[in-house]
Amino acid sequence: MRLLPLLAPLIAIQLVLLAAALIDLIRRPRTRGPKWAWGLAIAFISIFGPLAYFLFGRSDE
C-alpha cells in the first residue's frame, strides 16, 4: 500500500497518454506505418507505445 501514492501519478500519466494517442490515431487520416500496428503498440507497450507514436508515427500533415 505504500507504493500506491507513488504509482498513482504514473498510472494517470499512462492513461492520459494512452487516450490521447488513440484519439489522435483515430482522427488522423495518415500515419507513418499501418494504423493497426500503431494501435497495438499504443495499447500494449506501456508508456513507450504512446510516446513512440507521438515521436515517430504521426504524419506531418
PDB file of N, CA and C in Angstrom:
ATOM      1  N   MET A   1       0.811  -1.202   0.000  1.00  0.00           N
ATOM      2  CA  MET A   1       0.000   0.000   0.000  1.00  0.00           C
ATOM      3  C   MET A   1       0.854   1.264   0.000  1.00  0.00           C
ATOM      4  N   ARG A   2       2.099   1.158   0.384  1.00  0.00           N
ATOM      5  CA  ARG A   2       2.964   2.337   0.379  1.00  0.00           C
ATOM      6  C   ARG A   2       3.315   2.784  -1.037  1.00  0.00           C
ATOM      7  N   LEU A   3       3.266   1.870  -1.968  1.00  0.00           N
ATOM      8  CA  LEU A   3       3.606   2.209  -3.344  1.00  0.00           C
ATOM      9  C   LEU A   3       2.484   2.916  -4.086  1.00  0.00           C
ATOM     10  N   LEU A   4       1.269   2.771  -3.635  1.00  0.00           N
ATOM     11  CA  LEU A   4       0.134   3.355  -4.342  1.00  0.00           C
ATOM     12  C   LEU A   4       0.258   4.867  -4.528  1.00  0.00           C
ATOM     13  N   PRO A   5       0.638   5.650  -3.516  1.00  0.00           N
ATOM     14  CA  PRO A   5       0.801   7.089  -3.753  1.00  0.00           C
ATOM     15  C   PRO A   5       1.914   7.411  -4.751  1.00  0.00           C
ATOM     16  N   LEU A   6       2.896   6.539  -4.851  1.00  0.00           N
ATOM     17  CA  LEU A   6       3.970   6.757  -5.813  1.00  0.00           C
ATOM     18  C   LEU A   6       3.569   6.335  -7.222  1.00  0.00           C
ATOM     19  N   LEU A   7       2.775   5.300  -7.321  1.00  0.00           N
ATOM     20  CA  LEU A   7       2.368   4.792  -8.625  1.00  0.00           C
ATOM     21  C   LEU A   7       1.174   5.526  -9.220  1.00  0.00           C
ATOM     22  N   ALA A   8       0.363   6.142  -8.417  1.00  0.00           N
ATOM     23  CA  ALA A   8      -0.847   6.814  -8.908  1.00  0.00           C
ATOM     24  C   ALA A   8      -0.547   7.856  -9.989  1.00  0.00           C
ATOM     25  N   PRO A   9       0.452   8.741  -9.817  1.00  0.00           N
ATOM     26  CA  PRO A   9       0.737   9.699 -10.895  1.00  0.00           C
ATOM     27  C   PRO A   9       1.211   9.017 -12.180  1.00  0.00           C
ATOM     28  N   LEU A  10       1.993   7.957 -12.057  1.00  0.00           N
ATOM     29  CA  LEU A  10       2.452   7.240 -13.248  1.00  0.00           C
ATOM     30  C   LEU A  10       1.296   6.561 -13.971  1.00  0.00           C
ATOM     31  N   ILE A  11       0.380   6.016 -13.221  1.00  0.00           N
ATOM     32  CA  ILE A  11      -0.798   5.390 -13.822  1.00  0.00           C
ATOM     33  C   ILE A  11      -1.655   6.441 -14.519  1.00  0.00           C
ATOM     34  N   ALA A  12      -1.811   7.591 -13.899  1.00  0.00           N
ATOM     35  CA  ALA A  12      -2.593   8.672 -14.509  1.00  0.00           C
ATOM     36  C   ALA A  12      -1.938   9.155 -15.801  1.00  0.00           C
ATOM     37  N   ILE A  13      -0.622   9.320 -15.792  1.00  0.00           N
ATOM     38  CA  ILE A  13       0.101   9.747 -16.997  1.00  0.00           C
ATOM     39  C   ILE A  13      -0.064   8.708 -18.099  1.00  0.00           C
ATOM     40  N   GLN A  14       0.058   7.441 -17.756  1.00  0.00           N
ATOM     41  CA  GLN A  14      -0.104   6.363 -18.731  1.00  0.00           C
ATOM     42  C   GLN A  14      -1.489   6.403 -19.359  1.00  0.00           C
ATOM     43  N   LEU A  15      -2.522   6.563 -18.553  1.00  0.00           N
ATOM     44  CA  LEU A  15      -3.887   6.576 -19.077  1.00  0.00           C
ATOM     45  C   LEU A  15      -4.149   7.786 -19.964  1.00  0.00           C
ATOM     46  N   VAL A  16      -3.625   8.940 -19.577  1.00  0.00           N
ATOM     47  CA  VAL A  16      -3.799  10.146 -20.394  1.00  0.00           C
ATOM     48  C   VAL A  16      -3.074   9.994 -21.725  1.00  0.00           C
ATOM     49  N   LEU A  17      -1.830   9.503 -21.697  1.00  0.00           N
ATOM     50  CA  LEU A  17      -1.089   9.288 -22.941  1.00  0.00           C
ATOM     51  C   LEU A  17      -1.778   8.260 -23.830  1.00  0.00           C
ATOM     52  N   LEU A  18      -2.262   7.194 -23.237  1.00  0.00           N
ATOM     53  CA  LEU A  18      -2.957   6.154 -23.989  1.00  0.00           C
ATOM     54  C   LEU A  18      -4.189   6.723 -24.684  1.00  0.00           C
ATOM     55  N   ALA A  19      -5.010   7.441 -23.950  1.00  0.00           N
ATOM     56  CA  ALA A  19      -6.232   8.015 -24.523  1.00  0.00           C
ATOM     57  C   ALA A  19      -5.906   9.044 -25.600  1.00  0.00           C
ATOM     58  N   ALA A  20      -4.954   9.923 -25.337  1.00  0.00           N
ATOM     59  CA  ALA A  20      -4.599  10.961 -26.308  1.00  0.00           C
ATOM     60  C   ALA A  20      -4.041  10.348 -27.588  1.00  0.00           C
ATOM     61  N   ALA A  21      -3.197   9.347 -27.455  1.00  0.00           N
ATOM     62  CA  ALA A  21      -2.606   8.716 -28.632  1.00  0.00           C
ATOM     63  C   ALA A  21      -3.660   7.975 -29.450  1.00  0.00           C
ATOM     64  N   LEU A  22      -4.552   7.252 -28.793  1.00  0.00           N
ATOM     65  CA  LEU A  22      -5.591   6.530 -29.531  1.00  0.00           C
ATOM     66  C   LEU A  22      -6.559   7.482 -30.219  1.00  0.00           C
ATOM     67  N   ILE A  23      -6.927   8.554 -29.557  1.00  0.00           N
ATOM     68  CA  ILE A  23      -7.819   9.544 -30.175  1.00  0.00           C
ATOM     69  C   ILE A  23      -7.140  10.189 -31.374  1.00  0.00           C
ATOM     70  N   ASP A  24      -5.869  10.553 -31.225  1.00  0.00           N
ATOM     71  CA  ASP A  24      -5.136  11.156 -32.337  1.00  0.00           C
ATOM     72  C   ASP A  24      -5.001  10.167 -33.491  1.00  0.00           C
ATOM     73  N   LEU A  25      -4.728   8.915 -33.184  1.00  0.00           N
ATOM     74  CA  LEU A  25      -4.595   7.891 -34.221  1.00  0.00           C
ATOM     75  C   LEU A  25      -5.898   7.727 -34.996  1.00  0.00           C
ATOM     76  N   ILE A  26      -7.015   7.719 -34.305  1.00  0.00           N
ATOM     77  CA  ILE A  26      -8.311   7.556 -34.965  1.00  0.00           C
ATOM     78  C   ILE A  26      -8.632   8.764 -35.844  1.00  0.00           C
ATOM     79  N   ARG A  27      -8.329   9.943 -35.385  1.00  0.00           N
ATOM     80  CA  ARG A  27      -8.683  11.168 -36.119  1.00  0.00           C
ATOM     81  C   ARG A  27      -7.727  11.488 -37.266  1.00  0.00           C
ATOM     82  N   ARG A  28      -6.511  11.006 -37.205  1.00  0.00           N
ATOM     83  CA  ARG A  28      -5.501  11.344 -38.208  1.00  0.00           C
ATOM     84  C   ARG A  28      -5.694  10.473 -39.453  1.00  0.00           C
ATOM     85  N   PRO A  29      -5.803  11.104 -40.647  1.00  0.00           N
ATOM     86  CA  PRO A  29      -6.050  10.313 -41.856  1.00  0.00           C
ATOM     87  C   PRO A  29      -4.851   9.459 -42.278  1.00  0.00           C
ATOM     88  N   ARG A  30      -3.627   9.916 -42.009  1.00  0.00           N
ATOM     89  CA  ARG A  30      -2.438   9.168 -42.425  1.00  0.00           C
ATOM     90  C   ARG A  30      -1.435   9.111 -41.282  1.00  0.00           C
ATOM     91  N   THR A  31      -0.721   8.002 -41.213  1.00  0.00           N
ATOM     92  CA  THR A  31       0.348   7.834 -40.233  1.00  0.00           C
ATOM     93  C   THR A  31       1.559   7.245 -40.937  1.00  0.00           C
ATOM     94  N   ARG A  32       2.680   7.269 -40.261  1.00  0.00           N
ATOM     95  CA  ARG A  32       3.873   6.600 -40.784  1.00  0.00           C
ATOM     96  C   ARG A  32       3.799   5.145 -40.352  1.00  0.00           C
ATOM     97  N   GLY A  33       3.351   4.300 -41.237  1.00  0.00           N
ATOM     98  CA  GLY A  33       3.151   2.890 -40.915  1.00  0.00           C
ATOM     99  C   GLY A  33       1.673   2.590 -40.787  1.00  0.00           C
ATOM    100  N   PRO A  34       1.346   1.310 -40.702  1.00  0.00           N
ATOM    101  CA  PRO A  34      -0.069   0.931 -40.627  1.00  0.00           C
ATOM    102  C   PRO A  34      -0.715   1.337 -39.303  1.00  0.00           C
ATOM    103  N   LYS A  35      -1.940   1.820 -39.413  1.00  0.00           N
ATOM    104  CA  LYS A  35      -2.656   2.264 -38.209  1.00  0.00           C
ATOM    105  C   LYS A  35      -2.868   1.128 -37.217  1.00  0.00           C
ATOM    106  N   TRP A  36      -3.150  -0.069 -37.709  1.00  0.00           N
ATOM    107  CA  TRP A  36      -3.402  -1.187 -36.804  1.00  0.00           C
ATOM    108  C   TRP A  36      -2.164  -1.491 -35.966  1.00  0.00           C
ATOM    109  N   ALA A  37      -0.973  -1.368 -36.572  1.00  0.00           N
ATOM    110  CA  ALA A  37       0.261  -1.636 -35.825  1.00  0.00           C
ATOM    111  C   ALA A  37       0.482  -0.574 -34.756  1.00  0.00           C
ATOM    112  N   TRP A  38       0.210   0.690 -35.098  1.00  0.00           N
ATOM    113  CA  TRP A  38       0.341   1.750 -34.099  1.00  0.00           C
ATOM    114  C   TRP A  38      -0.680   1.563 -32.986  1.00  0.00           C
ATOM    115  N   GLY A  39      -1.878   1.131 -33.335  1.00  0.00           N
ATOM    116  CA  GLY A  39      -2.886   0.876 -32.306  1.00  0.00           C
ATOM    117  C   GLY A  39      -2.445  -0.199 -31.325  1.00  0.00           C
ATOM    118  N   LEU A  40      -1.861  -1.267 -31.842  1.00  0.00           N
ATOM    119  CA  LEU A  40      -1.349  -2.322 -30.963  1.00  0.00           C
ATOM    120  C   LEU A  40      -0.201  -1.816 -30.098  1.00  0.00           C
ATOM    121  N   ALA A  41       0.706  -1.051 -30.705  1.00  0.00           N
ATOM    122  CA  ALA A  41       1.846  -0.521 -29.943  1.00  0.00           C
ATOM    123  C   ALA A  41       1.369   0.415 -28.839  1.00  0.00           C
ATOM    124  N   ILE A  42       0.422   1.275 -29.168  1.00  0.00           N
ATOM    125  CA  ILE A  42      -0.102   2.216 -28.173  1.00  0.00           C
ATOM    126  C   ILE A  42      -0.765   1.459 -27.029  1.00  0.00           C
ATOM    127  N   ALA A  43      -1.532   0.443 -27.361  1.00  0.00           N
ATOM    128  CA  ALA A  43      -2.309  -0.267 -26.345  1.00  0.00           C
ATOM    129  C   ALA A  43      -1.471  -1.200 -25.475  1.00  0.00           C
ATOM    130  N   PHE A  44      -0.431  -1.808 -26.051  1.00  0.00           N
ATOM    131  CA  PHE A  44       0.236  -2.888 -25.328  1.00  0.00           C
ATOM    132  C   PHE A  44       1.680  -2.613 -24.911  1.00  0.00           C
ATOM    133  N   ILE A  45       2.262  -1.507 -25.308  1.00  0.00           N
ATOM    134  CA  ILE A  45       3.656  -1.256 -24.937  1.00  0.00           C
ATOM    135  C   ILE A  45       3.712  -0.139 -23.900  1.00  0.00           C
ATOM    136  N   SER A  46       2.983  -0.294 -22.862  1.00  0.00           N
ATOM    137  CA  SER A  46       3.007   0.584 -21.696  1.00  0.00           C
ATOM    138  C   SER A  46       3.137   2.049 -22.082  1.00  0.00           C
ATOM    139  N   ILE A  47       3.994   2.782 -21.424  1.00  0.00           N
ATOM    140  CA  ILE A  47       4.125   4.216 -21.662  1.00  0.00           C
ATOM    141  C   ILE A  47       4.928   4.508 -22.931  1.00  0.00           C
ATOM    142  N   PHE A  48       5.721   3.541 -23.385  1.00  0.00           N
ATOM    143  CA  PHE A  48       6.586   3.774 -24.539  1.00  0.00           C
ATOM    144  C   PHE A  48       5.839   3.703 -25.866  1.00  0.00           C
ATOM    145  N   GLY A  49       4.749   2.967 -25.942  1.00  0.00           N
ATOM    146  CA  GLY A  49       3.957   2.901 -27.168  1.00  0.00           C
ATOM    147  C   GLY A  49       3.369   4.248 -27.556  1.00  0.00           C
ATOM    148  N   PRO A  50       2.643   4.919 -26.644  1.00  0.00           N
ATOM    149  CA  PRO A  50       2.131   6.250 -26.978  1.00  0.00           C
ATOM    150  C   PRO A  50       3.239   7.263 -27.268  1.00  0.00           C
ATOM    151  N   LEU A  51       4.325   7.207 -26.510  1.00  0.00           N
ATOM    152  CA  LEU A  51       5.434   8.138 -26.761  1.00  0.00           C
ATOM    153  C   LEU A  51       6.050   7.897 -28.135  1.00  0.00           C
ATOM    154  N   ALA A  52       6.244   6.636 -28.508  1.00  0.00           N
ATOM    155  CA  ALA A  52       6.792   6.320 -29.829  1.00  0.00           C
ATOM    156  C   ALA A  52       5.857   6.810 -30.926  1.00  0.00           C
ATOM    157  N   TYR A  53       4.554   6.656 -30.723  1.00  0.00           N
ATOM    158  CA  TYR A  53       3.598   7.141 -31.722  1.00  0.00           C
ATOM    159  C   TYR A  53       3.708   8.652 -31.891  1.00  0.00           C
ATOM    160  N   PHE A  54       3.739   9.379 -30.783  1.00  0.00           N
ATOM    161  CA  PHE A  54       3.818  10.837 -30.886  1.00  0.00           C
ATOM    162  C   PHE A  54       5.145  11.291 -31.490  1.00  0.00           C
ATOM    163  N   LEU A  55       6.217  10.571 -31.246  1.00  0.00           N
ATOM    164  CA  LEU A  55       7.520  10.967 -31.778  1.00  0.00           C
ATOM    165  C   LEU A  55       7.737  10.521 -33.221  1.00  0.00           C
ATOM    166  N   PHE A  56       7.291   9.308 -33.576  1.00  0.00           N
ATOM    167  CA  PHE A  56       7.643   8.740 -34.872  1.00  0.00           C
ATOM    168  C   PHE A  56       6.460   8.388 -35.765  1.00  0.00           C
ATOM    169  N   GLY A  57       5.287   8.188 -35.224  1.00  0.00           N
ATOM    170  CA  GLY A  57       4.180   7.656 -36.005  1.00  0.00           C
ATOM    171  C   GLY A  57       3.301   8.671 -36.690  1.00  0.00           C
ATOM    172  N   ARG A  58       3.252   9.869 -36.150  1.00  0.00           N
ATOM    173  CA  ARG A  58       2.360  10.878 -36.720  1.00  0.00           C
ATOM    174  C   ARG A  58       2.910  11.385 -38.039  1.00  0.00           C
ATOM    175  N   SER A  59       2.020  11.533 -39.007  1.00  0.00           N
ATOM    176  CA  SER A  59       2.393  12.091 -40.299  1.00  0.00           C
ATOM    177  C   SER A  59       2.511  13.604 -40.170  1.00  0.00           C
ATOM    178  N   ASP A  60       3.239  14.216 -41.067  1.00  0.00           N
ATOM    179  CA  ASP A  60       3.478  15.662 -40.996  1.00  0.00           C
ATOM    180  C   ASP A  60       2.319  16.505 -41.512  1.00  0.00           C
ATOM    181  N   GLU A  61       1.220  15.892 -41.840  1.00  0.00           N
ATOM    182  CA  GLU A  61       0.075  16.644 -42.376  1.00  0.00           C
ATOM    183  C   GLU A  61      -0.520  17.567 -41.362  1.00  0.00           C
TER     184      GLU A  61
END
